[in-house]
Amino acid sequence: MLADAASEGAHAILCLGDLVGYGADPVACVERVGERATAMVAGNHEHGALGLLDLRWFNPWARAAALWTGGQLDPGHRDFLGGLPLMRSHEEATLVHASPRSPEEWDYLLSEEDGLGVFGDFATRLCFVGHSHVPGFWSVGSGGPDHVGRLDTPVAQVRLDDGRRYLINVGSVGQPRDRDPRASYALWDREARTVTIRRVPYDHVAAAGKILAAGLPRKLAERLAHGA
C-alpha cells in the first residue's frame, strides 16, 4: 500500500487505526507506519492490545490476537499507541476509526441511517472512517442525502462537489471484508477534488503463513484469501 500510494504521488499518509490486531507483524506495522504517517488515530485493536478495552467485547479470534499482540509490543510501542487520540482533524477532514459520535463506543457505520445520522458529530467537510473494513460513503448537501454502501466498482471514486459534506469509509489494508482480498485504501486528491478507493494485490498467502506460524487462530489466516 505504501509503495502504491507513493507511485500515485501521495505526499502524506493518514492512518485511521488498527495498525495491530489480526496480523503477525504488529511491530513492523507500528514502526513503518508510525514513522511515515502525518496524522494517526487509535482503533479498537490498539486499545485491546494495550488492555484499555474489555476483551469480552471481542470475538474469540480477535481476543486471542489482541492478547498475543500485547505481548509483542515493547514499552516504547505501547507508549506510542497509547498516546494516539481517538479522533482528530487534519486540514478539512476529521479522522476517526469507528464513528465521530462517541468514538470510544466503537460503533459500526453500516446502513444509510448509521452514516447519515452522525454528520452533526463532526464539523469538517470530510470525515474518514474504517472499522467495518468495507469501503463506502455517505453525503449530505443542498441536493439531499446520498449513500453508496459499497465502493467496489472498477473506478471507485467519490467526486467532492461544492456544497456537500462527505463521510467516507476507506476499507482495510490488512483485512478487507468485501469479498475482495486485495488491500484497500483511499487516495485523497485535494486538487482534483476526488477520493479514490485503491485496491492493491499483496502476498496474502505469505501473510496467512505468518499468522499460522505465530500460533494465531487459523480463521484469521484463512479469511485473507476470501476478503471476508
Foldseek 3Di string as FASTA:
>chain_A
DVVVCVVVPDDAAEEQECLFFQFLPSVVSCVVCVVGHPAYAYDVLLCLLLVNDPLVVDDPQRNQRSVLSVVVDDPVSNVVRVPGHQWDDDVQEIGHAAALPPSVVRDHQQDLCSQVVRPVSDDGQEYEYESVLFWWKWKQFPVGIDTDRHQDDPWSKDAADPGMGMYIYFGAQCAHAPQDLFGWGWDQDVVRRMITIDGHDDPLQVRLVSCVVSVRDNVSSVRSVGSD
